[in-house]
Amino acid sequence: MMNTQDNQTIHFALCLNNEGYKASLEVGKLYRIIVDEQAASHGLIRIVDESGEDYAFSAKRFYPVQLPQNVEEVLLTSS
């Protein structure tokens, strides 16, 4: 589903729809993706939501964002 660059396994996605999950997701917020091939095969994406835990949501709720490596490093070290 989402290709990795330089064997990088951490990605980010922008939330486009939080209907039914208003406590877990914020529209317009960038979320960390946890690679889960099994979830992806079912049209799902595993993200770390507002609870700080990772859950699988419909991939249609998100837009994958390729960030520059230095930006991704800053986001990962701050979480």
PDB file of N, CA and C in Angstrom:
ATOM      1  N   MET A   1       0.824  -1.196   0.000  1.00  0.00           N
ATOM      2  CA  MET A   1       0.000   0.000   0.000  1.00  0.00           C
ATOM      3  C   MET A   1       0.859   1.246   0.000  1.00  0.00           C
ATOM      4  N   MET A   2       1.632   1.458   1.053  1.00  0.00           N
ATOM      5  CA  MET A   2       2.500   2.625   1.109  1.00  0.00           C
ATOM      6  C   MET A   2       3.939   2.149   1.031  1.00  0.00           C
ATOM      7  N   ASN A   3       4.626   2.545  -0.006  1.00  0.00           N
ATOM      8  CA  ASN A   3       6.010   2.125  -0.177  1.00  0.00           C
ATOM      9  C   ASN A   3       6.909   2.849   0.806  1.00  0.00           C
ATOM     10  N   THR A   4       7.969   2.162   1.200  1.00  0.00           N
ATOM     11  CA  THR A   4       8.932   2.779   2.092  1.00  0.00           C
ATOM     12  C   THR A   4      10.078   3.342   1.272  1.00  0.00           C
ATOM     13  N   GLN A   5      10.723   4.331   1.806  1.00  0.00           N
ATOM     14  CA  GLN A   5      11.864   4.933   1.145  1.00  0.00           C
ATOM     15  C   GLN A   5      13.058   4.715   2.062  1.00  0.00           C
ATOM     16  N   ASP A   6      14.142   4.165   1.515  1.00  0.00           N
ATOM     17  CA  ASP A   6      15.341   3.856   2.295  1.00  0.00           C
ATOM     18  C   ASP A   6      15.025   2.910   3.454  1.00  0.00           C
ATOM     19  N   ASN A   7      14.139   1.931   3.217  1.00  0.00           N
ATOM     20  CA  ASN A   7      13.739   0.960   4.240  1.00  0.00           C
ATOM     21  C   ASN A   7      13.164   1.608   5.489  1.00  0.00           C
ATOM     22  N   GLN A   8      12.647   2.786   5.352  1.00  0.00           N
ATOM     23  CA  GLN A   8      12.055   3.502   6.476  1.00  0.00           C
ATOM     24  C   GLN A   8      10.704   2.870   6.774  1.00  0.00           C
ATOM     25  N   THR A   9      10.442   2.537   8.030  1.00  0.00           N
ATOM     26  CA  THR A   9       9.211   1.846   8.360  1.00  0.00           C
ATOM     27  C   THR A   9       8.199   2.748   9.047  1.00  0.00           C
ATOM     28  N   ILE A  10       8.541   3.965   9.346  1.00  0.00           N
ATOM     29  CA  ILE A  10       7.611   4.868  10.013  1.00  0.00           C
ATOM     30  C   ILE A  10       7.167   5.934   9.028  1.00  0.00           C
ATOM     31  N   HIS A  11       5.842   6.110   8.953  1.00  0.00           N
ATOM     32  CA  HIS A  11       5.261   7.089   8.055  1.00  0.00           C
ATOM     33  C   HIS A  11       4.249   7.921   8.825  1.00  0.00           C
ATOM     34  N   PHE A  12       3.729   8.913   8.149  1.00  0.00           N
ATOM     35  CA  PHE A  12       2.697   9.750   8.742  1.00  0.00           C
ATOM     36  C   PHE A  12       1.543   9.893   7.769  1.00  0.00           C
ATOM     37  N   ALA A  13       0.351  10.133   8.297  1.00  0.00           N
ATOM     38  CA  ALA A  13      -0.836  10.327   7.469  1.00  0.00           C
ATOM     39  C   ALA A  13      -1.688  11.433   8.084  1.00  0.00           C
ATOM     40  N   LEU A  14      -2.345  12.173   7.223  1.00  0.00           N
ATOM     41  CA  LEU A  14      -3.221  13.262   7.618  1.00  0.00           C
ATOM     42  C   LEU A  14      -4.648  12.733   7.736  1.00  0.00           C
ATOM     43  N   CYS A  15      -5.298  13.001   8.849  1.00  0.00           N
ATOM     44  CA  CYS A  15      -6.680  12.562   9.053  1.00  0.00           C
ATOM     45  C   CYS A  15      -7.620  13.455   8.252  1.00  0.00           C
ATOM     46  N   LEU A  16      -8.466  12.830   7.436  1.00  0.00           N
ATOM     47  CA  LEU A  16      -9.438  13.551   6.613  1.00  0.00           C
ATOM     48  C   LEU A  16     -10.870  13.393   7.120  1.00  0.00           C
ATOM     49  N   ASN A  17     -11.113  12.372   7.950  1.00  0.00           N
ATOM     50  CA  ASN A  17     -12.475  12.067   8.385  1.00  0.00           C
ATOM     51  C   ASN A  17     -12.422  11.400   9.758  1.00  0.00           C
ATOM     52  N   ASN A  18     -13.087  11.994  10.745  1.00  0.00           N
ATOM     53  CA  ASN A  18     -13.130  11.387  12.078  1.00  0.00           C
ATOM     54  C   ASN A  18     -14.542  10.982  12.488  1.00  0.00           C
ATOM     55  N   GLU A  19     -15.460  10.896  11.525  1.00  0.00           N
ATOM     56  CA  GLU A  19     -16.841  10.536  11.820  1.00  0.00           C
ATOM     57  C   GLU A  19     -16.905   9.204  12.572  1.00  0.00           C
ATOM     58  N   GLY A  20     -17.543   9.235  13.731  1.00  0.00           N
ATOM     59  CA  GLY A  20     -17.652   8.049  14.566  1.00  0.00           C
ATOM     60  C   GLY A  20     -16.474   7.840  15.501  1.00  0.00           C
ATOM     61  N   TYR A  21     -15.446   8.658  15.351  1.00  0.00           N
ATOM     62  CA  TYR A  21     -14.224   8.514  16.173  1.00  0.00           C
ATOM     63  C   TYR A  21     -13.728   9.882  16.644  1.00  0.00           C
ATOM     64  N   LYS A  22     -14.654  10.779  16.986  1.00  0.00           N
ATOM     65  CA  LYS A  22     -14.272  12.151  17.333  1.00  0.00           C
ATOM     66  C   LYS A  22     -13.343  12.236  18.546  1.00  0.00           C
ATOM     67  N   ALA A  23     -13.429  11.290  19.456  1.00  0.00           N
ATOM     68  CA  ALA A  23     -12.543  11.289  20.624  1.00  0.00           C
ATOM     69  C   ALA A  23     -11.169  10.717  20.290  1.00  0.00           C
ATOM     70  N   SER A  24     -11.082   9.946  19.201  1.00  0.00           N
ATOM     71  CA  SER A  24      -9.840   9.261  18.854  1.00  0.00           C
ATOM     72  C   SER A  24      -9.030   9.952  17.763  1.00  0.00           C
ATOM     73  N   LEU A  25      -9.726  10.689  16.879  1.00  0.00           N
ATOM     74  CA  LEU A  25      -9.069  11.289  15.718  1.00  0.00           C
ATOM     75  C   LEU A  25      -9.463  12.749  15.564  1.00  0.00           C
ATOM     76  N   GLU A  26      -8.521  13.571  15.098  1.00  0.00           N
ATOM     77  CA  GLU A  26      -8.790  14.972  14.805  1.00  0.00           C
ATOM     78  C   GLU A  26      -8.547  15.219  13.323  1.00  0.00           C
ATOM     79  N   VAL A  27      -9.556  15.757  12.636  1.00  0.00           N
ATOM     80  CA  VAL A  27      -9.404  16.084  11.225  1.00  0.00           C
ATOM     81  C   VAL A  27      -8.298  17.122  11.064  1.00  0.00           C
ATOM     82  N   GLY A  28      -7.438  16.904  10.088  1.00  0.00           N
ATOM     83  CA  GLY A  28      -6.341  17.828   9.818  1.00  0.00           C
ATOM     84  C   GLY A  28      -5.077  17.554  10.617  1.00  0.00           C
ATOM     85  N   LYS A  29      -5.114  16.571  11.495  1.00  0.00           N
ATOM     86  CA  LYS A  29      -3.946  16.248  12.310  1.00  0.00           C
ATOM     87  C   LYS A  29      -3.120  15.160  11.639  1.00  0.00           C
ATOM     88  N   LEU A  30      -1.812  15.262  11.816  1.00  0.00           N
ATOM     89  CA  LEU A  30      -0.873  14.277  11.290  1.00  0.00           C
ATOM     90  C   LEU A  30      -0.719  13.165  12.326  1.00  0.00           C
ATOM     91  N   TYR A  31      -0.861  11.918  11.882  1.00  0.00           N
ATOM     92  CA  TYR A  31      -0.745  10.762  12.772  1.00  0.00           C
ATOM     93  C   TYR A  31       0.366   9.838  12.313  1.00  0.00           C
ATOM     94  N   ARG A  32       1.008   9.210  13.267  1.00  0.00           N
ATOM     95  CA  ARG A  32       2.063   8.235  12.989  1.00  0.00           C
ATOM     96  C   ARG A  32       1.424   6.923  12.557  1.00  0.00           C
ATOM     97  N   ILE A  33       1.954   6.352  11.485  1.00  0.00           N
ATOM     98  CA  ILE A  33       1.470   5.069  10.981  1.00  0.00           C
ATOM     99  C   ILE A  33       2.358   3.954  11.511  1.00  0.00           C
ATOM    100  N   ILE A  34       1.722   2.864  11.938  1.00  0.00           N
ATOM    101  CA  ILE A  34       2.419   1.645  12.314  1.00  0.00           C
ATOM    102  C   ILE A  34       2.204   0.666  11.152  1.00  0.00           C
ATOM    103  N   VAL A  35       3.285   0.199  10.550  1.00  0.00           N
ATOM    104  CA  VAL A  35       3.156  -0.717   9.410  1.00  0.00           C
ATOM    105  C   VAL A  35       2.488  -2.006   9.872  1.00  0.00           C
ATOM    106  N   ASP A  36       1.418  -2.378   9.178  1.00  0.00           N
ATOM    107  CA  ASP A  36       0.663  -3.587   9.492  1.00  0.00           C
ATOM    108  C   ASP A  36       0.133  -4.129   8.164  1.00  0.00           C
ATOM    109  N   GLU A  37       0.853  -5.069   7.592  1.00  0.00           N
ATOM    110  CA  GLU A  37       0.490  -5.626   6.291  1.00  0.00           C
ATOM    111  C   GLU A  37      -0.865  -6.318   6.322  1.00  0.00           C
ATOM    112  N   GLN A  38      -1.182  -6.990   7.419  1.00  0.00           N
ATOM    113  CA  GLN A  38      -2.464  -7.680   7.527  1.00  0.00           C
ATOM    114  C   GLN A  38      -3.611  -6.671   7.507  1.00  0.00           C
ATOM    115  N   ALA A  39      -3.487  -5.593   8.257  1.00  0.00           N
ATOM    116  CA  ALA A  39      -4.522  -4.548   8.246  1.00  0.00           C
ATOM    117  C   ALA A  39      -4.634  -3.938   6.857  1.00  0.00           C
ATOM    118  N   ALA A  40      -3.495  -3.648   6.221  1.00  0.00           N
ATOM    119  CA  ALA A  40      -3.495  -3.050   4.883  1.00  0.00           C
ATOM    120  C   ALA A  40      -4.214  -3.937   3.875  1.00  0.00           C
ATOM    121  N   SER A  41      -4.085  -5.253   4.026  1.00  0.00           N
ATOM    122  CA  SER A  41      -4.746  -6.169   3.094  1.00  0.00           C
ATOM    123  C   SER A  41      -6.267  -6.115   3.219  1.00  0.00           C
ATOM    124  N   HIS A  42      -6.754  -5.526   4.308  1.00  0.00           N
ATOM    125  CA  HIS A  42      -8.190  -5.373   4.536  1.00  0.00           C
ATOM    126  C   HIS A  42      -8.643  -3.927   4.355  1.00  0.00           C
ATOM    127  N   GLY A  43      -7.775  -3.080   3.769  1.00  0.00           N
ATOM    128  CA  GLY A  43      -8.137  -1.682   3.538  1.00  0.00           C
ATOM    129  C   GLY A  43      -8.047  -0.811   4.771  1.00  0.00           C
ATOM    130  N   LEU A  44      -7.275  -1.280   5.750  1.00  0.00           N
ATOM    131  CA  LEU A  44      -7.125  -0.542   7.003  1.00  0.00           C
ATOM    132  C   LEU A  44      -5.718   0.030   7.127  1.00  0.00           C
ATOM    133  N   ILE A  45      -5.592   1.023   7.976  1.00  0.00           N
ATOM    134  CA  ILE A  45      -4.302   1.619   8.296  1.00  0.00           C
ATOM    135  C   ILE A  45      -4.195   1.670   9.810  1.00  0.00           C
ATOM    136  N   ARG A  46      -3.067   1.267  10.356  1.00  0.00           N
ATOM    137  CA  ARG A  46      -2.866   1.275  11.810  1.00  0.00           C
ATOM    138  C   ARG A  46      -2.145   2.566  12.174  1.00  0.00           C
ATOM    139  N   ILE A  47      -2.780   3.359  13.019  1.00  0.00           N
ATOM    140  CA  ILE A  47      -2.175   4.625  13.432  1.00  0.00           C
ATOM    141  C   ILE A  47      -2.179   4.743  14.953  1.00  0.00           C
ATOM    142  N   VAL A  48      -1.320   5.623  15.457  1.00  0.00           N
ATOM    143  CA  VAL A  48      -1.314   5.949  16.880  1.00  0.00           C
ATOM    144  C   VAL A  48      -2.295   7.102  17.045  1.00  0.00           C
ATOM    145  N   ASP A  49      -3.431   6.836  17.712  1.00  0.00           N
ATOM    146  CA  ASP A  49      -4.485   7.841  17.818  1.00  0.00           C
ATOM    147  C   ASP A  49      -4.321   8.721  19.057  1.00  0.00           C
ATOM    148  N   GLU A  50      -5.365   9.472  19.396  1.00  0.00           N
ATOM    149  CA  GLU A  50      -5.304  10.419  20.519  1.00  0.00           C
ATOM    150  C   GLU A  50      -5.088   9.751  21.861  1.00  0.00           C
ATOM    151  N   SER A  51      -5.380   8.465  21.979  1.00  0.00           N
ATOM    152  CA  SER A  51      -5.166   7.748  23.241  1.00  0.00           C
ATOM    153  C   SER A  51      -3.687   7.405  23.438  1.00  0.00           C
ATOM    154  N   GLY A  52      -2.907   7.533  22.349  1.00  0.00           N
ATOM    155  CA  GLY A  52      -1.497   7.155  22.413  1.00  0.00           C
ATOM    156  C   GLY A  52      -1.273   5.693  22.058  1.00  0.00           C
ATOM    157  N   GLU A  53      -2.365   4.975  21.784  1.00  0.00           N
ATOM    158  CA  GLU A  53      -2.294   3.566  21.403  1.00  0.00           C
ATOM    159  C   GLU A  53      -2.494   3.449  19.898  1.00  0.00           C
ATOM    160  N   ASP A  54      -2.057   2.321  19.324  1.00  0.00           N
ATOM    161  CA  ASP A  54      -2.270   2.132  17.892  1.00  0.00           C
ATOM    162  C   ASP A  54      -3.520   1.300  17.649  1.00  0.00           C
ATOM    163  N   TYR A  55      -4.316   1.764  16.681  1.00  0.00           N
ATOM    164  CA  TYR A  55      -5.559   1.103  16.285  1.00  0.00           C
ATOM    165  C   TYR A  55      -5.662   1.121  14.770  1.00  0.00           C
ATOM    166  N   ALA A  56      -6.410   0.181  14.215  1.00  0.00           N
ATOM    167  CA  ALA A  56      -6.631   0.123  12.773  1.00  0.00           C
ATOM    168  C   ALA A  56      -7.921   0.867  12.433  1.00  0.00           C
ATOM    169  N   PHE A  57      -7.829   1.740  11.452  1.00  0.00           N
ATOM    170  CA  PHE A  57      -8.963   2.509  10.941  1.00  0.00           C
ATOM    171  C   PHE A  57      -9.004   2.330   9.431  1.00  0.00           C
ATOM    172  N   SER A  58     -10.126   2.651   8.822  1.00  0.00           N
ATOM    173  CA  SER A  58     -10.231   2.613   7.374  1.00  0.00           C
ATOM    174  C   SER A  58      -9.181   3.546   6.772  1.00  0.00           C
ATOM    175  N   ALA A  59      -8.437   3.035   5.811  1.00  0.00           N
ATOM    176  CA  ALA A  59      -7.395   3.838   5.159  1.00  0.00           C
ATOM    177  C   ALA A  59      -7.997   5.044   4.447  1.00  0.00           C
ATOM    178  N   LYS A  60      -9.286   4.972   4.101  1.00  0.00           N
ATOM    179  CA  LYS A  60      -9.954   6.075   3.414  1.00  0.00           C
ATOM    180  C   LYS A  60     -10.074   7.314   4.290  1.00  0.00           C
ATOM    181  N   ARG A  61      -9.893   7.159   5.593  1.00  0.00           N
ATOM    182  CA  ARG A  61      -9.961   8.294   6.524  1.00  0.00           C
ATOM    183  C   ARG A  61      -8.686   9.139   6.508  1.00  0.00           C
ATOM    184  N   PHE A  62      -7.641   8.637   5.869  1.00  0.00           N
ATOM    185  CA  PHE A  62      -6.324   9.265   5.949  1.00  0.00           C
ATOM    186  C   PHE A  62      -5.714   9.509   4.582  1.00  0.00           C
ATOM    187  N   TYR A  63      -4.815  10.481   4.534  1.00  0.00           N
ATOM    188  CA  TYR A  63      -4.029  10.750   3.338  1.00  0.00           C
ATOM    189  C   TYR A  63      -2.557  10.594   3.729  1.00  0.00           C
ATOM    190  N   PRO A  64      -1.860   9.603   3.186  1.00  0.00           N
ATOM    191  CA  PRO A  64      -0.444   9.407   3.524  1.00  0.00           C
ATOM    192  C   PRO A  64       0.384  10.614   3.095  1.00  0.00           C
ATOM    193  N   VAL A  65       1.295  11.033   3.956  1.00  0.00           N
ATOM    194  CA  VAL A  65       2.123  12.204   3.684  1.00  0.00           C
ATOM    195  C   VAL A  65       3.594  11.811   3.746  1.00  0.00           C
ATOM    196  N   GLN A  66       4.313  12.069   2.654  1.00  0.00           N
ATOM    197  CA  GLN A  66       5.761  11.832   2.633  1.00  0.00           C
ATOM    198  C   GLN A  66       6.438  13.083   3.170  1.00  0.00           C
ATOM    199  N   LEU A  67       7.072  12.969   4.305  1.00  0.00           N
ATOM    200  CA  LEU A  67       7.746  14.105   4.931  1.00  0.00           C
ATOM    201  C   LEU A  67       9.247  14.034   4.667  1.00  0.00           C
ATOM    202  N   PRO A  68       9.902  15.185   4.635  1.00  0.00           N
ATOM    203  CA  PRO A  68      11.363  15.164   4.545  1.00  0.00           C
ATOM    204  C   PRO A  68      11.933  14.436   5.759  1.00  0.00           C
ATOM    205  N   GLN A  69      13.031  13.742   5.574  1.00  0.00           N
ATOM    206  CA  GLN A  69      13.599  12.920   6.644  1.00  0.00           C
ATOM    207  C   GLN A  69      13.874  13.727   7.912  1.00  0.00           C
ATOM    208  N   ASN A  70      14.398  14.951   7.768  1.00  0.00           N
ATOM    209  CA  ASN A  70      14.717  15.740   8.967  1.00  0.00           C
ATOM    210  C   ASN A  70      13.449  16.125   9.738  1.00  0.00           C
ATOM    211  N   VAL A  71      12.348  16.363   9.038  1.00  0.00           N
ATOM    212  CA  VAL A  71      11.078  16.679   9.702  1.00  0.00           C
ATOM    213  C   VAL A  71      10.548  15.440  10.411  1.00  0.00           C
ATOM    214  N   GLU A  72      10.607  14.304   9.751  1.00  0.00           N
ATOM    215  CA  GLU A  72      10.148  13.055  10.355  1.00  0.00           C
ATOM    216  C   GLU A  72      10.949  12.736  11.617  1.00  0.00           C
ATOM    217  N   GLU A  73      12.247  12.944  11.580  1.00  0.00           N
ATOM    218  CA  GLU A  73      13.098  12.679  12.745  1.00  0.00           C
ATOM    219  C   GLU A  73      12.675  13.544  13.934  1.00  0.00           C
ATOM    220  N   VAL A  74      12.386  14.815  13.685  1.00  0.00           N
ATOM    221  CA  VAL A  74      11.963  15.711  14.761  1.00  0.00           C
ATOM    222  C   VAL A  74      10.630  15.233  15.351  1.00  0.00           C
ATOM    223  N   LEU A  75       9.688  14.876  14.493  1.00  0.00           N
ATOM    224  CA  LEU A  75       8.386  14.406  14.974  1.00  0.00           C
ATOM    225  C   LEU A  75       8.516  13.117  15.772  1.00  0.00           C
ATOM    226  N   LEU A  76       9.372  12.235  15.337  1.00  0.00           N
ATOM    227  CA  LEU A  76       9.530  10.962  16.045  1.00  0.00           C
ATOM    228  C   LEU A  76      10.231  11.118  17.384  1.00  0.00           C
ATOM    229  N   THR A  77      11.159  12.031  17.487  1.00  0.00           N
ATOM    230  CA  THR A  77      11.859  12.217  18.759  1.00  0.00           C
ATOM    231  C   THR A  77      11.030  12.997  19.759  1.00  0.00           C
ATOM    232  N   SER A  78      10.026  13.732  19.282  1.00  0.00           N
ATOM    233  CA  SER A  78       9.183  14.503  20.208  1.00  0.00           C
ATOM    234  C   SER A  78       8.020  13.689  20.746  1.00  0.00           C
ATOM    235  N   SER A  79       7.800  12.486  20.183  1.00  0.00           N
ATOM    236  CA  SER A  79       6.647  11.684  20.643  1.00  0.00           C
ATOM    237  C   SER A  79       7.045  10.645  21.640  1.00  0.00           C
TER     238      SER A  79
END
